[in-house]
PDB file of N, CA and C in Angstrom:
ATOM      1  N   MET A   1     -26.330  15.967  12.054  1.00  0.00           N
ATOM      2  CA  MET A   1     -26.884  15.181  10.978  1.00  0.00           C
ATOM      3  C   MET A   1     -26.064  15.337   9.704  1.00  0.00           C
ATOM      4  N   GLU A   2     -25.633  16.570   9.416  1.00  0.00           N
ATOM      5  CA  GLU A   2     -24.872  16.803   8.199  1.00  0.00           C
ATOM      6  C   GLU A   2     -23.544  16.070   8.222  1.00  0.00           C
ATOM      7  N   ASN A   3     -22.846  16.088   9.366  1.00  0.00           N
ATOM      8  CA  ASN A   3     -21.549  15.427   9.458  1.00  0.00           C
ATOM      9  C   ASN A   3     -21.660  13.931   9.238  1.00  0.00           C
ATOM     10  N   SER A   4     -22.712  13.303   9.772  1.00  0.00           N
ATOM     11  CA  SER A   4     -22.843  11.858   9.595  1.00  0.00           C
ATOM     12  C   SER A   4     -23.129  11.513   8.138  1.00  0.00           C
ATOM     13  N   THR A   5     -23.887  12.347   7.438  1.00  0.00           N
ATOM     14  CA  THR A   5     -24.170  12.102   6.030  1.00  0.00           C
ATOM     15  C   THR A   5     -22.900  12.239   5.201  1.00  0.00           C
ATOM     16  N   ILE A   6     -22.102  13.254   5.495  1.00  0.00           N
ATOM     17  CA  ILE A   6     -20.845  13.440   4.781  1.00  0.00           C
ATOM     18  C   ILE A   6     -19.889  12.292   5.088  1.00  0.00           C
ATOM     19  N   SER A   7     -19.829  11.870   6.345  1.00  0.00           N
ATOM     20  CA  SER A   7     -18.960  10.752   6.730  1.00  0.00           C
ATOM     21  C   SER A   7     -19.349   9.470   6.011  1.00  0.00           C
ATOM     22  N   ILE A   8     -20.630   9.235   5.911  1.00  0.00           N
ATOM     23  CA  ILE A   8     -21.099   8.029   5.215  1.00  0.00           C
ATOM     24  C   ILE A   8     -20.744   8.101   3.739  1.00  0.00           C
ATOM     25  N   ARG A   9     -20.878   9.277   3.144  1.00  0.00           N
ATOM     26  CA  ARG A   9     -20.536   9.444   1.729  1.00  0.00           C
ATOM     27  C   ARG A   9     -19.039   9.254   1.504  1.00  0.00           C
ATOM     28  N   ILE A  10     -18.224   9.812   2.402  1.00  0.00           N
ATOM     29  CA  ILE A  10     -16.773   9.646   2.279  1.00  0.00           C
ATOM     30  C   ILE A  10     -16.406   8.178   2.428  1.00  0.00           C
ATOM     31  N   LYS A  11     -17.014   7.507   3.409  1.00  0.00           N
ATOM     32  CA  LYS A  11     -16.719   6.083   3.617  1.00  0.00           C
ATOM     33  C   LYS A  11     -17.093   5.274   2.376  1.00  0.00           C
ATOM     34  N   LYS A  12     -18.237   5.568   1.793  1.00  0.00           N
ATOM     35  CA  LYS A  12     -18.678   4.848   0.594  1.00  0.00           C
ATOM     36  C   LYS A  12     -17.707   5.090  -0.565  1.00  0.00           C
ATOM     37  N   GLU A  13     -17.279   6.330  -0.738  1.00  0.00           N
ATOM     38  CA  GLU A  13     -16.357   6.659  -1.831  1.00  0.00           C
ATOM     39  C   GLU A  13     -14.989   5.995  -1.639  1.00  0.00           C
ATOM     40  N   ILE A  14     -14.474   5.974  -0.396  1.00  0.00           N
ATOM     41  CA  ILE A  14     -13.168   5.356  -0.157  1.00  0.00           C
ATOM     42  C   ILE A  14     -13.276   3.840  -0.327  1.00  0.00           C
ATOM     43  N   GLU A  15     -14.409   3.250   0.055  1.00  0.00           N
ATOM     44  CA  GLU A  15     -14.609   1.819  -0.171  1.00  0.00           C
ATOM     45  C   GLU A  15     -14.688   1.502  -1.666  1.00  0.00           C
ATOM     46  N   ASN A  16     -15.329   2.375  -2.434  1.00  0.00           N
ATOM     47  CA  ASN A  16     -15.382   2.188  -3.892  1.00  0.00           C
ATOM     48  C   ASN A  16     -13.989   2.289  -4.502  1.00  0.00           C
ATOM     49  N   LEU A  17     -13.201   3.225  -4.006  1.00  0.00           N
ATOM     50  CA  LEU A  17     -11.837   3.387  -4.498  1.00  0.00           C
ATOM     51  C   LEU A  17     -10.985   2.161  -4.162  1.00  0.00           C
ATOM     52  N   ILE A  18     -11.162   1.615  -2.968  1.00  0.00           N
ATOM     53  CA  ILE A  18     -10.451   0.389  -2.577  1.00  0.00           C
ATOM     54  C   ILE A  18     -10.875  -0.767  -3.479  1.00  0.00           C
ATOM     55  N   SER A  19     -12.164  -0.907  -3.725  1.00  0.00           N
ATOM     56  CA  SER A  19     -12.656  -1.981  -4.593  1.00  0.00           C
ATOM     57  C   SER A  19     -12.083  -1.861  -5.993  1.00  0.00           C
ATOM     58  N   LYS A  20     -12.060  -0.643  -6.517  1.00  0.00           N
ATOM     59  CA  LYS A  20     -11.515  -0.417  -7.856  1.00  0.00           C
ATOM     60  C   LYS A  20     -10.025  -0.744  -7.898  1.00  0.00           C
ATOM     61  N   SER A  21      -9.306  -0.381  -6.842  1.00  0.00           N
ATOM     62  CA  SER A  21      -7.863  -0.619  -6.832  1.00  0.00           C
ATOM     63  C   SER A  21      -7.522  -2.097  -6.666  1.00  0.00           C
ATOM     64  N   CYS A  22      -8.399  -2.850  -6.043  1.00  0.00           N
ATOM     65  CA  CYS A  22      -8.134  -4.275  -5.822  1.00  0.00           C
ATOM     66  C   CYS A  22      -8.708  -5.158  -6.932  1.00  0.00           C
ATOM     67  N   ALA A  23      -9.535  -4.601  -7.808  1.00  0.00           N
ATOM     68  CA  ALA A  23     -10.153  -5.394  -8.871  1.00  0.00           C
ATOM     69  C   ALA A  23      -9.137  -5.837  -9.904  1.00  0.00           C
ATOM     70  N   ASN A  24      -8.125  -5.021 -10.134  1.00  0.00           N
ATOM     71  CA  ASN A  24      -7.102  -5.336 -11.123  1.00  0.00           C
ATOM     72  C   ASN A  24      -6.074  -6.275 -10.504  1.00  0.00           C
ATOM     73  N   GLN A  25      -5.793  -7.382 -11.175  1.00  0.00           N
ATOM     74  CA  GLN A  25      -4.843  -8.361 -10.639  1.00  0.00           C
ATOM     75  C   GLN A  25      -3.434  -7.793 -10.552  1.00  0.00           C
ATOM     76  N   GLN A  26      -3.060  -6.958 -11.525  1.00  0.00           N
ATOM     77  CA  GLN A  26      -1.733  -6.360 -11.492  1.00  0.00           C
ATOM     78  C   GLN A  26      -1.843  -4.968 -10.887  1.00  0.00           C
ATOM     79  N   SER A  27      -1.294  -4.812  -9.714  1.00  0.00           N
ATOM     80  CA  SER A  27      -1.378  -3.542  -9.015  1.00  0.00           C
ATOM     81  C   SER A  27      -0.482  -2.503  -9.691  1.00  0.00           C
ATOM     82  N   THR A  28      -1.030  -1.338  -9.923  1.00  0.00           N
ATOM     83  CA  THR A  28      -0.233  -0.256 -10.475  1.00  0.00           C
ATOM     84  C   THR A  28       0.425   0.503  -9.324  1.00  0.00           C
ATOM     85  N   LYS A  29       1.424   1.287  -9.646  1.00  0.00           N
ATOM     86  CA  LYS A  29       2.129   2.069  -8.631  1.00  0.00           C
ATOM     87  C   LYS A  29       1.180   3.057  -7.955  1.00  0.00           C
ATOM     88  N   LYS A  30       0.234   3.597  -8.734  1.00  0.00           N
ATOM     89  CA  LYS A  30      -0.735   4.544  -8.196  1.00  0.00           C
ATOM     90  C   LYS A  30      -1.569   3.892  -7.094  1.00  0.00           C
ATOM     91  N   TYR A  31      -2.080   2.706  -7.365  1.00  0.00           N
ATOM     92  CA  TYR A  31      -2.919   2.044  -6.372  1.00  0.00           C
ATOM     93  C   TYR A  31      -2.103   1.490  -5.217  1.00  0.00           C
ATOM     94  N   GLU A  32      -0.869   1.111  -5.479  1.00  0.00           N
ATOM     95  CA  GLU A  32      -0.006   0.678  -4.378  1.00  0.00           C
ATOM     96  C   GLU A  32       0.223   1.840  -3.415  1.00  0.00           C
ATOM     97  N   THR A  33       0.364   3.047  -3.941  1.00  0.00           N
ATOM     98  CA  THR A  33       0.520   4.229  -3.103  1.00  0.00           C
ATOM     99  C   THR A  33      -0.729   4.447  -2.245  1.00  0.00           C
ATOM    100  N   LEU A  34      -1.903   4.219  -2.816  1.00  0.00           N
ATOM    101  CA  LEU A  34      -3.153   4.322  -2.056  1.00  0.00           C
ATOM    102  C   LEU A  34      -3.176   3.305  -0.923  1.00  0.00           C
ATOM    103  N   HIS A  35      -2.839   2.064  -1.218  1.00  0.00           N
ATOM    104  CA  HIS A  35      -2.851   1.007  -0.209  1.00  0.00           C
ATOM    105  C   HIS A  35      -1.878   1.324   0.925  1.00  0.00           C
ATOM    106  N   VAL A  36      -0.679   1.775   0.566  1.00  0.00           N
ATOM    107  CA  VAL A  36       0.326   2.109   1.578  1.00  0.00           C
ATOM    108  C   VAL A  36      -0.153   3.275   2.440  1.00  0.00           C
ATOM    109  N   ALA A  37      -0.775   4.278   1.826  1.00  0.00           N
ATOM    110  CA  ALA A  37      -1.266   5.430   2.586  1.00  0.00           C
ATOM    111  C   ALA A  37      -2.338   5.016   3.593  1.00  0.00           C
ATOM    112  N   LEU A  38      -3.246   4.147   3.181  1.00  0.00           N
ATOM    113  CA  LEU A  38      -4.290   3.666   4.094  1.00  0.00           C
ATOM    114  C   LEU A  38      -3.692   2.896   5.265  1.00  0.00           C
ATOM    115  N   LEU A  39      -2.720   2.038   4.971  1.00  0.00           N
ATOM    116  CA  LEU A  39      -2.101   1.237   6.026  1.00  0.00           C
ATOM    117  C   LEU A  39      -1.267   2.099   6.971  1.00  0.00           C
ATOM    118  N   LYS A  40      -0.534   3.068   6.432  1.00  0.00           N
ATOM    119  CA  LYS A  40       0.252   3.961   7.281  1.00  0.00           C
ATOM    120  C   LYS A  40      -0.648   4.744   8.223  1.00  0.00           C
ATOM    121  N   LYS A  41      -1.783   5.191   7.721  1.00  0.00           N
ATOM    122  CA  LYS A  41      -2.720   5.960   8.550  1.00  0.00           C
ATOM    123  C   LYS A  41      -3.290   5.089   9.660  1.00  0.00           C
ATOM    124  N   TYR A  42      -3.756   3.919   9.310  1.00  0.00           N
ATOM    125  CA  TYR A  42      -4.433   3.066  10.283  1.00  0.00           C
ATOM    126  C   TYR A  42      -3.480   2.524  11.352  1.00  0.00           C
ATOM    127  N   TYR A  43      -2.306   2.068  10.942  1.00  0.00           N
ATOM    128  CA  TYR A  43      -1.375   1.434  11.872  1.00  0.00           C
ATOM    129  C   TYR A  43      -0.338   2.395  12.453  1.00  0.00           C
ATOM    130  N   ASN A  44      -0.337   3.660  12.033  1.00  0.00           N
ATOM    131  CA  ASN A  44       0.678   4.631  12.454  1.00  0.00           C
ATOM    132  C   ASN A  44       2.062   4.070  12.124  1.00  0.00           C
ATOM    133  N   ALA A  45       2.194   3.620  10.896  1.00  0.00           N
ATOM    134  CA  ALA A  45       3.414   2.951  10.451  1.00  0.00           C
ATOM    135  C   ALA A  45       4.355   3.934   9.778  1.00  0.00           C
ATOM    136  N   ALA A  46       5.632   3.707   9.965  1.00  0.00           N
ATOM    137  CA  ALA A  46       6.655   4.553   9.353  1.00  0.00           C
ATOM    138  C   ALA A  46       7.035   4.024   7.974  1.00  0.00           C
ATOM    139  N   ASP A  47       7.010   2.741   7.793  1.00  0.00           N
ATOM    140  CA  ASP A  47       7.418   2.130   6.531  1.00  0.00           C
ATOM    141  C   ASP A  47       6.498   0.952   6.252  1.00  0.00           C
ATOM    142  N   VAL A  48       5.949   0.899   5.050  1.00  0.00           N
ATOM    143  CA  VAL A  48       5.041  -0.182   4.667  1.00  0.00           C
ATOM    144  C   VAL A  48       5.447  -0.705   3.301  1.00  0.00           C
ATOM    145  N   SER A  49       5.531  -2.023   3.178  1.00  0.00           N
ATOM    146  CA  SER A  49       5.737  -2.635   1.866  1.00  0.00           C
ATOM    147  C   SER A  49       4.752  -3.797   1.728  1.00  0.00           C
ATOM    148  N   ILE A  50       4.185  -3.901   0.535  1.00  0.00           N
ATOM    149  CA  ILE A  50       3.157  -4.912   0.275  1.00  0.00           C
ATOM    150  C   ILE A  50       3.678  -5.880  -0.772  1.00  0.00           C
ATOM    151  N   ASP A  51       3.637  -7.168  -0.446  1.00  0.00           N
ATOM    152  CA  ASP A  51       3.966  -8.219  -1.400  1.00  0.00           C
ATOM    153  C   ASP A  51       2.632  -8.831  -1.845  1.00  0.00           C
ATOM    154  N   TYR A  52       2.150  -8.388  -3.001  1.00  0.00           N
ATOM    155  CA  TYR A  52       0.829  -8.807  -3.481  1.00  0.00           C
ATOM    156  C   TYR A  52       0.785 -10.289  -3.838  1.00  0.00           C
ATOM    157  N   HIS A  53       1.893 -10.848  -4.294  1.00  0.00           N
ATOM    158  CA  HIS A  53       1.902 -12.250  -4.711  1.00  0.00           C
ATOM    159  C   HIS A  53       1.904 -13.200  -3.522  1.00  0.00           C
ATOM    160  N   ARG A  54       2.664 -12.869  -2.493  1.00  0.00           N
ATOM    161  CA  ARG A  54       2.725 -13.716  -1.296  1.00  0.00           C
ATOM    162  C   ARG A  54       1.672 -13.335  -0.275  1.00  0.00           C
ATOM    163  N   LYS A  55       0.915 -12.254  -0.540  1.00  0.00           N
ATOM    164  CA  LYS A  55      -0.156 -11.755   0.336  1.00  0.00           C
ATOM    165  C   LYS A  55       0.370 -11.431   1.726  1.00  0.00           C
ATOM    166  N   ARG A  56       1.421 -10.602   1.736  1.00  0.00           N
ATOM    167  CA  ARG A  56       2.050 -10.180   2.984  1.00  0.00           C
ATOM    168  C   ARG A  56       2.223  -8.673   3.005  1.00  0.00           C
ATOM    169  N   ILE A  57       2.143  -8.130   4.199  1.00  0.00           N
ATOM    170  CA  ILE A  57       2.405  -6.713   4.413  1.00  0.00           C
ATOM    171  C   ILE A  57       3.448  -6.610   5.516  1.00  0.00           C
ATOM    172  N   ALA A  58       4.570  -5.988   5.197  1.00  0.00           N
ATOM    173  CA  ALA A  58       5.625  -5.757   6.183  1.00  0.00           C
ATOM    174  C   ALA A  58       5.611  -4.271   6.525  1.00  0.00           C
ATOM    175  N   MET A  59       5.643  -3.959   7.799  1.00  0.00           N
ATOM    176  CA  MET A  59       5.621  -2.549   8.199  1.00  0.00           C
ATOM    177  C   MET A  59       6.331  -2.341   9.521  1.00  0.00           C
ATOM    178  N   ASP A  60       6.796  -1.110   9.705  1.00  0.00           N
ATOM    179  CA  ASP A  60       7.377  -0.685  10.966  1.00  0.00           C
ATOM    180  C   ASP A  60       6.372   0.231  11.642  1.00  0.00           C
ATOM    181  N   ILE A  61       5.794  -0.238  12.736  1.00  0.00           N
ATOM    182  CA  ILE A  61       4.751   0.495  13.452  1.00  0.00           C
ATOM    183  C   ILE A  61       5.391   1.317  14.560  1.00  0.00           C
ATOM    184  N   VAL A  62       5.082   2.610  14.567  1.00  0.00           N
ATOM    185  CA  VAL A  62       5.592   3.495  15.610  1.00  0.00           C
ATOM    186  C   VAL A  62       4.803   3.217  16.884  1.00  0.00           C
ATOM    187  N   ILE A  63       5.503   2.803  17.929  1.00  0.00           N
ATOM    188  CA  ILE A  63       4.849   2.418  19.168  1.00  0.00           C
ATOM    189  C   ILE A  63       4.454   3.630  20.005  1.00  0.00           C
ATOM    190  N   ASP A  64       5.348   4.616  20.093  1.00  0.00           N
ATOM    191  CA  ASP A  64       5.084   5.769  20.951  1.00  0.00           C
ATOM    192  C   ASP A  64       5.520   7.044  20.247  1.00  0.00           C
ATOM    193  N   ASP A  65       4.574   7.935  19.988  1.00  0.00           N
ATOM    194  CA  ASP A  65       4.865   9.187  19.290  1.00  0.00           C
ATOM    195  C   ASP A  65       5.538  10.234  20.160  1.00  0.00           C
ATOM    196  N   LYS A  66       5.603  10.029  21.458  1.00  0.00           N
ATOM    197  CA  LYS A  66       6.148  11.079  22.324  1.00  0.00           C
ATOM    198  C   LYS A  66       7.651  11.291  22.107  1.00  0.00           C
ATOM    199  N   TYR A  67       8.331  10.335  21.491  1.00  0.00           N
ATOM    200  CA  TYR A  67       9.760  10.481  21.223  1.00  0.00           C
ATOM    201  C   TYR A  67      10.044  11.182  19.895  1.00  0.00           C
ATOM    202  N   TYR A  68       8.991  11.454  19.130  1.00  0.00           N
ATOM    203  CA  TYR A  68       9.150  12.111  17.834  1.00  0.00           C
ATOM    204  C   TYR A  68       9.245  13.625  18.032  1.00  0.00           C
ATOM    205  N   HIS A  69      10.267  14.230  17.464  1.00  0.00           N
ATOM    206  CA  HIS A  69      10.442  15.683  17.503  1.00  0.00           C
ATOM    207  C   HIS A  69      10.685  16.163  16.080  1.00  0.00           C
ATOM    208  N   PRO A  70       9.808  17.026  15.555  1.00  0.00           N
ATOM    209  CA  PRO A  70       9.957  17.463  14.158  1.00  0.00           C
ATOM    210  C   PRO A  70      11.200  18.299  13.905  1.00  0.00           C
ATOM    211  N   THR A  71      11.810  18.870  14.943  1.00  0.00           N
ATOM    212  CA  THR A  71      12.994  19.709  14.751  1.00  0.00           C
ATOM    213  C   THR A  71      14.297  18.927  14.844  1.00  0.00           C
ATOM    214  N   LYS A  72      14.230  17.661  15.197  1.00  0.00           N
ATOM    215  CA  LYS A  72      15.420  16.838  15.359  1.00  0.00           C
ATOM    216  C   LYS A  72      15.408  15.679  14.371  1.00  0.00           C
ATOM    217  N   VAL A  73      16.584  15.128  14.118  1.00  0.00           N
ATOM    218  CA  VAL A  73      16.680  13.892  13.350  1.00  0.00           C
ATOM    219  C   VAL A  73      16.273  12.764  14.289  1.00  0.00           C
ATOM    220  N   ASN A  74      15.261  12.025  13.885  1.00  0.00           N
ATOM    221  CA  ASN A  74      14.682  10.993  14.752  1.00  0.00           C
ATOM    222  C   ASN A  74      15.290   9.629  14.426  1.00  0.00           C
ATOM    223  N   THR A  75      16.308   9.265  15.193  1.00  0.00           N
ATOM    224  CA  THR A  75      16.981   7.997  14.938  1.00  0.00           C
ATOM    225  C   THR A  75      16.604   6.908  15.935  1.00  0.00           C
ATOM    226  N   SER A  76      15.948   7.281  17.015  1.00  0.00           N
ATOM    227  CA  SER A  76      15.648   6.263  18.030  1.00  0.00           C
ATOM    228  C   SER A  76      14.181   6.303  18.452  1.00  0.00           C
ATOM    229  N   ILE A  77      13.301   6.183  17.485  1.00  0.00           N
ATOM    230  CA  ILE A  77      11.877   6.094  17.778  1.00  0.00           C
ATOM    231  C   ILE A  77      11.546   4.616  17.987  1.00  0.00           C
ATOM    232  N   PRO A  78      10.837   4.278  19.066  1.00  0.00           N
ATOM    233  CA  PRO A  78      10.507   2.861  19.287  1.00  0.00           C
ATOM    234  C   PRO A  78       9.510   2.365  18.238  1.00  0.00           C
ATOM    235  N   ILE A  79       9.922   1.332  17.507  1.00  0.00           N
ATOM    236  CA  ILE A  79       9.066   0.764  16.474  1.00  0.00           C
ATOM    237  C   ILE A  79       8.935  -0.743  16.666  1.00  0.00           C
ATOM    238  N   LEU A  80       7.894  -1.275  16.092  1.00  0.00           N
ATOM    239  CA  LEU A  80       7.645  -2.715  16.092  1.00  0.00           C
ATOM    240  C   LEU A  80       7.551  -3.159  14.642  1.00  0.00           C
ATOM    241  N   HIS A  81       8.392  -4.083  14.245  1.00  0.00           N
ATOM    242  CA  HIS A  81       8.313  -4.608  12.888  1.00  0.00           C
ATOM    243  C   HIS A  81       7.233  -5.681  12.852  1.00  0.00           C
ATOM    244  N   ALA A  82       6.286  -5.527  11.934  1.00  0.00           N
ATOM    245  CA  ALA A  82       5.184  -6.475  11.810  1.00  0.00           C
ATOM    246  C   ALA A  82       5.150  -7.044  10.395  1.00  0.00           C
ATOM    247  N   ASN A  83       4.820  -8.305  10.302  1.00  0.00           N
ATOM    248  CA  ASN A  83       4.670  -8.989   9.024  1.00  0.00           C
ATOM    249  C   ASN A  83       3.284  -9.623   9.041  1.00  0.00           C
ATOM    250  N   LEU A  84       2.329  -8.995   8.356  1.00  0.00           N
ATOM    251  CA  LEU A  84       0.943  -9.439   8.390  1.00  0.00           C
ATOM    252  C   LEU A  84       0.598 -10.208   7.126  1.00  0.00           C
ATOM    253  N   LEU A  85      -0.256 -11.197   7.270  1.00  0.00           N
ATOM    254  CA  LEU A  85      -0.770 -11.957   6.137  1.00  0.00           C
ATOM    255  C   LEU A  85      -2.217 -11.551   5.896  1.00  0.00           C
ATOM    256  N   PHE A  86      -2.636 -11.547   4.639  1.00  0.00           N
ATOM    257  CA  PHE A  86      -4.037 -11.260   4.331  1.00  0.00           C
ATOM    258  C   PHE A  86      -4.540 -12.268   3.312  1.00  0.00           C
ATOM    259  N   LYS A  87      -5.812 -12.600   3.419  1.00  0.00           N
ATOM    260  CA  LYS A  87      -6.427 -13.491   2.435  1.00  0.00           C
ATOM    261  C   LYS A  87      -7.000 -12.681   1.278  1.00  0.00           C
ATOM    262  N   ASN A  88      -7.688 -11.598   1.611  1.00  0.00           N
ATOM    263  CA  ASN A  88      -8.326 -10.766   0.609  1.00  0.00           C
ATOM    264  C   ASN A  88      -7.928  -9.319   0.895  1.00  0.00           C
ATOM    265  N   LEU A  89      -7.180  -8.715  -0.004  1.00  0.00           N
ATOM    266  CA  LEU A  89      -6.660  -7.368   0.229  1.00  0.00           C
ATOM    267  C   LEU A  89      -7.786  -6.342   0.355  1.00  0.00           C
ATOM    268  N   LYS A  90      -8.820  -6.483  -0.446  1.00  0.00           N
ATOM    269  CA  LYS A  90      -9.933  -5.535  -0.394  1.00  0.00           C
ATOM    270  C   LYS A  90     -10.588  -5.540   0.979  1.00  0.00           C
ATOM    271  N   ASP A  91     -10.875  -6.712   1.508  1.00  0.00           N
ATOM    272  CA  ASP A  91     -11.488  -6.802   2.833  1.00  0.00           C
ATOM    273  C   ASP A  91     -10.537  -6.294   3.916  1.00  0.00           C
ATOM    274  N   PHE A  92      -9.257  -6.602   3.760  1.00  0.00           N
ATOM    275  CA  PHE A  92      -8.265  -6.156   4.739  1.00  0.00           C
ATOM    276  C   PHE A  92      -8.195  -4.625   4.777  1.00  0.00           C
ATOM    277  N   LEU A  93      -8.142  -3.991   3.615  1.00  0.00           N
ATOM    278  CA  LEU A  93      -8.066  -2.532   3.565  1.00  0.00           C
ATOM    279  C   LEU A  93      -9.364  -1.887   4.039  1.00  0.00           C
ATOM    280  N   ARG A  94     -10.490  -2.486   3.715  1.00  0.00           N
ATOM    281  CA  ARG A  94     -11.774  -1.935   4.188  1.00  0.00           C
ATOM    282  C   ARG A  94     -11.888  -2.015   5.698  1.00  0.00           C
ATOM    283  N   SER A  95     -11.243  -3.003   6.303  1.00  0.00           N
ATOM    284  CA  SER A  95     -11.284  -3.098   7.768  1.00  0.00           C
ATOM    285  C   SER A  95     -10.419  -2.021   8.429  1.00  0.00           C
ATOM    286  N   CYS A  96      -9.579  -1.359   7.656  1.00  0.00           N
ATOM    287  CA  CYS A  96      -8.713  -0.305   8.186  1.00  0.00           C
ATOM    288  C   CYS A  96      -9.363   1.073   8.159  1.00  0.00           C
ATOM    289  N   ILE A  97     -10.591   1.172   7.689  1.00  0.00           N
ATOM    290  CA  ILE A  97     -11.275   2.469   7.611  1.00  0.00           C
ATOM    291  C   ILE A  97     -11.820   2.833   8.988  1.00  0.00           C
ATOM    292  N   GLU A  98     -11.461   4.037   9.427  1.00  0.00           N
ATOM    293  CA  GLU A  98     -11.949   4.563  10.706  1.00  0.00           C
ATOM    294  C   GLU A  98     -12.921   5.696  10.429  1.00  0.00           C
ATOM    295  N   MET A  99     -13.871   5.903  11.329  1.00  0.00           N
ATOM    296  CA  MET A  99     -14.923   6.887  11.094  1.00  0.00           C
ATOM    297  C   MET A  99     -14.768   8.164  11.924  1.00  0.00           C
ATOM    298  N   ASP A 100     -13.601   8.429  12.509  1.00  0.00           N
ATOM    299  CA  ASP A 100     -13.430   9.660  13.275  1.00  0.00           C
ATOM    300  C   ASP A 100     -13.208  10.844  12.338  1.00  0.00           C
ATOM    301  N   ALA A 101     -13.349  12.062  12.859  1.00  0.00           N
ATOM    302  CA  ALA A 101     -13.294  13.270  12.030  1.00  0.00           C
ATOM    303  C   ALA A 101     -11.939  13.458  11.354  1.00  0.00           C
ATOM    304  N   LYS A 102     -10.855  13.177  12.058  1.00  0.00           N
ATOM    305  CA  LYS A 102      -9.520  13.334  11.480  1.00  0.00           C
ATOM    306  C   LYS A 102      -9.324  12.377  10.301  1.00  0.00           C
ATOM    307  N   SER A 103      -9.792  11.163  10.446  1.00  0.00           N
ATOM    308  CA  SER A 103      -9.670  10.178   9.365  1.00  0.00           C
ATOM    309  C   SER A 103     -10.531  10.555   8.171  1.00  0.00           C
ATOM    310  N   MET A 104     -11.711  11.109   8.418  1.00  0.00           N
ATOM    311  CA  MET A 104     -12.588  11.505   7.313  1.00  0.00           C
ATOM    312  C   MET A 104     -11.922  12.573   6.438  1.00  0.00           C
ATOM    313  N   GLY A 105     -11.223  13.504   7.060  1.00  0.00           N
ATOM    314  CA  GLY A 105     -10.485  14.509   6.295  1.00  0.00           C
ATOM    315  C   GLY A 105      -9.378  13.877   5.467  1.00  0.00           C
ATOM    316  N   PHE A 106      -8.683  12.915   6.046  1.00  0.00           N
ATOM    317  CA  PHE A 106      -7.620  12.201   5.335  1.00  0.00           C
ATOM    318  C   PHE A 106      -8.190  11.450   4.134  1.00  0.00           C
ATOM    319  N   TYR A 107      -9.317  10.747   4.336  1.00  0.00           N
ATOM    320  CA  TYR A 107      -9.932   9.981   3.256  1.00  0.00           C
ATOM    321  C   TYR A 107     -10.453  10.899   2.150  1.00  0.00           C
ATOM    322  N   ALA A 108     -11.003  12.058   2.522  1.00  0.00           N
ATOM    323  CA  ALA A 108     -11.479  13.009   1.509  1.00  0.00           C
ATOM    324  C   ALA A 108     -10.318  13.466   0.635  1.00  0.00           C
ATOM    325  N   GLY A 109      -9.160  13.675   1.241  1.00  0.00           N
ATOM    326  CA  GLY A 109      -7.969  14.036   0.466  1.00  0.00           C
ATOM    327  C   GLY A 109      -7.542  12.916  -0.461  1.00  0.00           C
ATOM    328  N   LEU A 110      -7.604  11.679   0.006  1.00  0.00           N
ATOM    329  CA  LEU A 110      -7.262  10.537  -0.852  1.00  0.00           C
ATOM    330  C   LEU A 110      -8.227  10.421  -2.031  1.00  0.00           C
ATOM    331  N   ILE A 111      -9.498  10.649  -1.763  1.00  0.00           N
ATOM    332  CA  ILE A 111     -10.494  10.568  -2.831  1.00  0.00           C
ATOM    333  C   ILE A 111     -10.191  11.605  -3.904  1.00  0.00           C
ATOM    334  N   ARG A 112      -9.902  12.828  -3.486  1.00  0.00           N
ATOM    335  CA  ARG A 112      -9.581  13.877  -4.461  1.00  0.00           C
ATOM    336  C   ARG A 112      -8.310  13.537  -5.230  1.00  0.00           C
ATOM    337  N   THR A 113      -7.343  12.942  -4.567  1.00  0.00           N
ATOM    338  CA  THR A 113      -6.072  12.622  -5.217  1.00  0.00           C
ATOM    339  C   THR A 113      -6.191  11.457  -6.196  1.00  0.00           C
ATOM    340  N   PHE A 114      -6.884  10.398  -5.810  1.00  0.00           N
ATOM    341  CA  PHE A 114      -6.875   9.166  -6.594  1.00  0.00           C
ATOM    342  C   PHE A 114      -8.081   8.951  -7.499  1.00  0.00           C
ATOM    343  N   ALA A 115      -9.183   9.608  -7.253  1.00  0.00           N
ATOM    344  CA  ALA A 115     -10.386   9.312  -8.016  1.00  0.00           C
ATOM    345  C   ALA A 115     -10.421   9.969  -9.386  1.00  0.00           C
ATOM    346  N   LYS A 116      -9.582  10.968  -9.619  1.00  0.00           N
ATOM    347  CA  LYS A 116      -9.520  11.690 -10.899  1.00  0.00           C
ATOM    348  C   LYS A 116     -10.857  12.324 -11.254  1.00  0.00           C
ATOM    349  N   LYS A 117     -11.648  12.589 -10.271  1.00  0.00           N
ATOM    350  CA  LYS A 117     -12.891  13.316 -10.488  1.00  0.00           C
ATOM    351  C   LYS A 117     -13.128  14.157  -9.243  1.00  0.00           C
ATOM    352  N   ASP A 118     -13.775  15.258  -9.423  1.00  0.00           N
ATOM    353  CA  ASP A 118     -14.044  16.148  -8.313  1.00  0.00           C
ATOM    354  C   ASP A 118     -15.340  15.717  -7.647  1.00  0.00           C
ATOM    355  N   VAL A 119     -15.238  15.040  -6.523  1.00  0.00           N
ATOM    356  CA  VAL A 119     -16.400  14.519  -5.824  1.00  0.00           C
ATOM    357  C   VAL A 119     -16.888  15.585  -4.855  1.00  0.00           C
ATOM    358  N   LYS A 120     -18.120  16.004  -5.011  1.00  0.00           N
ATOM    359  CA  LYS A 120     -18.685  16.964  -4.084  1.00  0.00           C
ATOM    360  C   LYS A 120     -19.152  16.218  -2.853  1.00  0.00           C
ATOM    361  N   LEU A 121     -18.717  16.660  -1.700  1.00  0.00           N
ATOM    362  CA  LEU A 121     -19.051  15.994  -0.458  1.00  0.00           C
ATOM    363  C   LEU A 121     -19.960  16.879   0.384  1.00  0.00           C
ATOM    364  N   THR A 122     -20.930  17.476  -0.264  1.00  0.00           N
ATOM    365  CA  THR A 122     -21.891  18.324   0.447  1.00  0.00           C
ATOM    366  C   THR A 122     -23.188  17.565   0.643  1.00  0.00           C
ATOM    367  N   VAL A 123     -23.963  18.019   1.600  1.00  0.00           N
ATOM    368  CA  VAL A 123     -25.239  17.375   1.892  1.00  0.00           C
ATOM    369  C   VAL A 123     -26.257  17.837   0.864  1.00  0.00           C
ATOM    370  N   VAL A 124     -26.989  16.888   0.322  1.00  0.00           N
ATOM    371  CA  VAL A 124     -27.976  17.196  -0.700  1.00  0.00           C
ATOM    372  C   VAL A 124     -29.330  17.416  -0.070  1.00  0.00           C
TER     373      VAL A 124
END
C-alpha cells in the first residue's frame, strides 16, 4: 500500500513538472534538459534533440543493449534513428511516464533536481 501511494505522488509531481515546463512558450535550457531526460529514459535513446518550433523529436534509439560494454569504447551499437512528430508536447511527455519501480526512482531524482524544492515522498 505504501509503495503505490508513493508512486502515485511521484507520478503526480512529475506530471506537474512536465506541465510547468511546457506552459512557457520559450523553452529554457533547464526544461529542455528535463524533456530530453524523460525521452532518453522512455525510449532507451542515446541521443535526443527536440525542435520545439517544428514539433519534432529526433533520436537514436538503442535497439539491443547486449552489445554495450562499459569497459570498451562502444562504436558499433545497433541503433535506430527516429524522427517523431508531436501535436502537444505536454501530452506526449506525459505518455512517456512509466510506473515501474526503477522508473519511479528516476522520476524522484528528476523532481529533486528540477523542482527547486525538497519534496517529501513519504506516506502521510
